[in-house]
C-alpha atoms as a PDB file:
ATOM      1  CA  MET A   1       0.145  -0.236   0.082  1.00  0.00           C
ATOM      2  CA  ILE A   2       2.589   2.471   0.449  1.00  0.00           C
ATOM      3  CA  ARG A   3       4.783   1.472  -2.505  1.00  0.00           C
ATOM      4  CA  LEU A   4       1.465   2.356  -4.470  1.00  0.00           C
ATOM      5  CA  LEU A   5       1.031   5.778  -2.564  1.00  0.00           C
ATOM      6  CA  GLY A   6       4.396   6.926  -3.583  1.00  0.00           C
ATOM      7  CA  VAL A   7       3.371   5.943  -6.730  1.00  0.00           C
ATOM      8  CA  LEU A   8       0.208   7.652  -7.184  1.00  0.00           C
ATOM      9  CA  VAL A   9       1.428  11.376  -4.584  1.00  0.00           C
ATOM     10  CA  PRO A  10       3.701  12.339  -8.167  1.00  0.00           C
ATOM     11  CA  LEU A  11       1.190  11.252 -10.560  1.00  0.00           C
ATOM     12  CA  VAL A  12      -1.746  13.733  -8.648  1.00  0.00           C
ATOM     13  CA  VAL A  13       1.160  16.589  -7.791  1.00  0.00           C
ATOM     14  CA  LEU A  14       2.033  16.565 -11.601  1.00  0.00           C
ATOM     15  CA  ALA A  15      -1.841  15.911 -12.502  1.00  0.00           C
ATOM     16  CA  GLY A  16      -2.071  19.908 -11.058  1.00  0.00           C
ATOM     17  CA  CYS A  17      -1.797  21.258 -15.016  1.00  0.00           C
ATOM     18  CA  GLY A  18      -5.525  21.112 -16.795  1.00  0.00           C
ATOM     19  CA  THR A  19      -8.768  21.871 -16.293  1.00  0.00           C
ATOM     20  CA  PRO A  20     -10.448  19.951 -12.712  1.00  0.00           C
ATOM     21  CA  GLU A  21     -12.075  17.598 -14.922  1.00  0.00           C
ATOM     22  CA  PHE A  22      -8.671  16.583 -16.490  1.00  0.00           C
ATOM     23  CA  ARG A  23      -6.911  15.800 -13.325  1.00  0.00           C
ATOM     24  CA  VAL A  24     -10.561  13.685 -12.294  1.00  0.00           C
ATOM     25  CA  GLU A  25      -9.860  11.810 -15.622  1.00  0.00           C
ATOM     26  CA  ARG A  26      -6.275  11.080 -15.025  1.00  0.00           C
ATOM     27  CA  SER A  27      -6.762  10.567 -11.705  1.00  0.00           C
ATOM     28  CA  ALA A  28      -8.994   7.339 -12.188  1.00  0.00           C
ATOM     29  CA  CYS A  29      -7.141   6.318 -15.338  1.00  0.00           C
ATOM     30  CA  ALA A  30      -3.693   6.512 -12.669  1.00  0.00           C
ATOM     31  CA  SER A  31      -5.983   4.390 -10.230  1.00  0.00           C
ATOM     32  CA  GLU A  32      -6.563   1.488 -13.071  1.00  0.00           C
ATOM     33  CA  TRP A  33      -3.051   1.708 -14.712  1.00  0.00           C
ATOM     34  CA  VAL A  34      -1.319   1.184 -11.596  1.00  0.00           C
ATOM     35  CA  VAL A  35      -3.170  -1.752 -10.282  1.00  0.00           C
ATOM     36  CA  LYS A  36      -3.041  -3.444 -14.132  1.00  0.00           C
ATOM     37  CA  ILE A  37       0.886  -2.074 -14.212  1.00  0.00           C
ATOM     38  CA  PRO A  38       2.256  -1.920 -10.725  1.00  0.00           C
ATOM     39  CA  PRO A  39       5.766  -0.470  -9.725  1.00  0.00           C
ATOM     40  CA  ARG A  40       8.663  -2.558 -10.019  1.00  0.00           C
ATOM     41  CA  LEU A  41      11.596  -0.644  -8.018  1.00  0.00           C
ATOM     42  CA  GLU A  42      15.086  -1.661  -8.773  1.00  0.00           C
ATOM     43  CA  GLN A  43      18.180  -0.042  -7.394  1.00  0.00           C
ATOM     44  CA  GLU A  44      20.774   1.157  -9.749  1.00  0.00           C
ATOM     45  CA  LEU A  45      23.969   2.676  -9.617  1.00  0.00           C
ATOM     46  CA  TYR A  46      24.576   5.675 -11.181  1.00  0.00           C
ATOM     47  CA  THR A  47      27.392   8.490 -11.398  1.00  0.00           C
ATOM     48  CA  ARG A  48      26.307  11.571  -9.168  1.00  0.00           C
ATOM     49  CA  ILE A  49      27.991  15.169 -10.196  1.00  0.00           C
ATOM     50  CA  GLU A  50      28.000  17.263  -7.175  1.00  0.00           C
ATOM     51  CA  THR A  51      30.190  21.044  -7.082  1.00  0.00           C
ATOM     52  CA  ARG A  52      32.293  22.329  -4.552  1.00  0.00           C
ATOM     53  CA  GLN A  53      34.059  25.546  -3.766  1.00  0.00           C
ATOM     54  CA  VAL A  54      37.846  25.509  -4.536  1.00  0.00           C
ATOM     55  CA  PRO A  55      40.426  28.755  -3.890  1.00  0.00           C
ATOM     56  CA  THR A  56      41.936  29.952  -7.334  1.00  0.00           C
ATOM     57  CA  GLY A  57      44.512  31.000  -5.233  1.00  0.00           C
ATOM     58  CA  ARG A  58      43.928  34.757  -5.857  1.00  0.00           C
ATOM     59  CA  THR A  59      42.796  36.942  -3.397  1.00  0.00           C
ATOM     60  CA  ILE A  60      40.901  39.982  -3.380  1.00  0.00           C
ATOM     61  CA  CYS A  61      41.776  42.429  -0.463  1.00  0.00           C
ATOM     62  CA  LYS A  62      40.128  46.128   0.652  1.00  0.00           C
ATOM     63  CA  PRO A  63      41.034  48.290   3.514  1.00  0.00           C
ATOM     64  CA  VAL A  64      38.500  48.173   6.099  1.00  0.00           C
ATOM     65  CA  GLY A  65      39.477  51.450   8.379  1.00  0.00           C
ATOM     66  CA  ALA A  66      42.823  50.982   9.642  1.00  0.00           C
ATOM     67  CA  THR A  67      43.013  47.246   8.069  1.00  0.00           C
ATOM     68  CA  THR A  68      42.862  45.299   5.349  1.00  0.00           C
ATOM     69  CA  VAL A  69      40.485  42.619   4.885  1.00  0.00           C
ATOM     70  CA  CYS A  70      41.336  39.511   1.901  1.00  0.00           C
ATOM     71  CA  ASP A  71      39.207  37.619   0.629  1.00  0.00           C
ATOM     72  CA  GLN A  72      39.820  34.145  -1.490  1.00  0.00           C
ATOM     73  CA  ILE A  73      38.678  33.696  -4.592  1.00  0.00           C
ATOM     74  CA  MET A  74      37.005  31.040  -5.120  1.00  0.00           C
ATOM     75  CA  ARG A  75      35.769  28.792  -8.193  1.00  0.00           C
ATOM     76  CA  SER A  76      32.884  25.986  -8.746  1.00  0.00           C
ATOM     77  CA  GLU A  77      34.955  22.633  -9.614  1.00  0.00           C
ATOM     78  CA  SER A  78      32.282  19.202 -10.854  1.00  0.00           C
ATOM     79  CA  TYR A  79      33.217  15.869  -8.891  1.00  0.00           C
ATOM     80  CA  SER A  80      31.292  12.970  -9.659  1.00  0.00           C
ATOM     81  CA  VAL A  81      30.566   9.738  -6.800  1.00  0.00           C
ATOM     82  CA  PRO A  82      28.973   6.715  -6.812  1.00  0.00           C
ATOM     83  CA  ALA A  83      25.482   6.794  -6.132  1.00  0.00           C
ATOM     84  CA  ILE A  84      22.266   4.515  -5.892  1.00  0.00           C
ATOM     85  CA  ARG A  85      18.787   5.586  -6.792  1.00  0.00           C
ATOM     86  CA  THR A  86      15.616   3.642  -6.310  1.00  0.00           C
ATOM     87  CA  VAL A  87      14.088   3.678 -10.106  1.00  0.00           C
ATOM     88  CA  ASP A  88      10.308   2.324 -10.870  1.00  0.00           C
ATOM     89  CA  ARG A  89      11.107   0.345 -14.498  1.00  0.00           C
ATOM     90  CA  ASN A  90       7.594   0.377 -15.334  1.00  0.00           C
ATOM     91  CA  LYS A  91       7.183   4.048 -14.892  1.00  0.00           C
ATOM     92  CA  PRO A  92       7.333   5.161 -18.327  1.00  0.00           C
ATOM     93  CA  ARG A  93       5.366   2.258 -19.584  1.00  0.00           C
ATOM     94  CA  ARG A  94       2.479   3.103 -17.125  1.00  0.00           C
ATOM     95  CA  ASP A  95       2.683   6.612 -17.734  1.00  0.00           C
ATOM     96  CA  ALA A  96       2.165   6.458 -21.538  1.00  0.00           C
ATOM     97  CA  GLN A  97      -0.382   3.900 -20.611  1.00  0.00           C
ATOM     98  CA  ILE A  98      -2.327   6.794 -18.098  1.00  0.00           C
ATOM     99  CA  SER A  99      -1.615   9.544 -20.818  1.00  0.00           C
ATOM    100  CA  GLN A 100      -3.481   7.280 -23.588  1.00  0.00           C
ATOM    101  CA  CYS A 101      -6.868   6.150 -20.992  1.00  0.00           C
ATOM    102  CA  THR A 102      -7.044  10.093 -20.352  1.00  0.00           C
ATOM    103  CA  ARG A 103      -6.927  11.270 -23.602  1.00  0.00           C
ATOM    104  CA  ALA A 104      -9.694   8.713 -24.513  1.00  0.00           C
ATOM    105  CA  ALA A 105     -11.644   9.483 -21.155  1.00  0.00           C
ATOM    106  CA  CYS A 106     -12.117  13.375 -22.392  1.00  0.00           C
ATOM    107  CA  VAL A 107     -12.142  12.703 -25.645  1.00  0.00           C
ATOM    108  CA  LYS A 108     -15.493  10.949 -24.228  1.00  0.00           C
ATOM    109  CA  SER A 109     -16.795  12.805 -22.306  1.00  0.00           C
ATOM    110  CA  PHE A 110     -15.798  16.307 -23.848  1.00  0.00           C
ATOM    111  CA  GLY A 111     -15.107  15.953 -27.791  1.00  0.00           C
ATOM    112  CA  ASN A 112     -11.224  17.084 -27.085  1.00  0.00           C
ATOM    113  CA  PRO A 113      -8.559  15.687 -25.256  1.00  0.00           C
ATOM    114  CA  GLU A 114      -8.004  18.187 -22.517  1.00  0.00           C
ATOM    115  CA  CYS A 115     -11.329  18.356 -20.719  1.00  0.00           C
ATOM    116  CA  LYS A 116     -12.482  21.665 -21.336  1.00  0.00           C
ATOM    117  CA  ALA A 117     -15.917  22.309 -21.484  1.00  0.00           C
END
């Protein structure tokens, strides 16, 4: 049940666009297709890119009263680290079916794929 909610919550958030009627149809289709094509969660190794600030070796100095304050000039440096993420292998197939189902339901009920009255 928790896995099901983990899939439906993003679908509801993504369905924030469009008319209220469109969101209703999309929600109904999502409920149907999450059962027909359930999540297949797998962990995968990938390379995550991160950035860090490193000194350039140069400084900028400014007089402040009777003293001088110097700050190092920094630059952003990218580096990669191995990481693990969880992916739903069925998501692309399920999303395609949800979109197709939503368009068909909107055309049937409203005569257009956007559910516009």
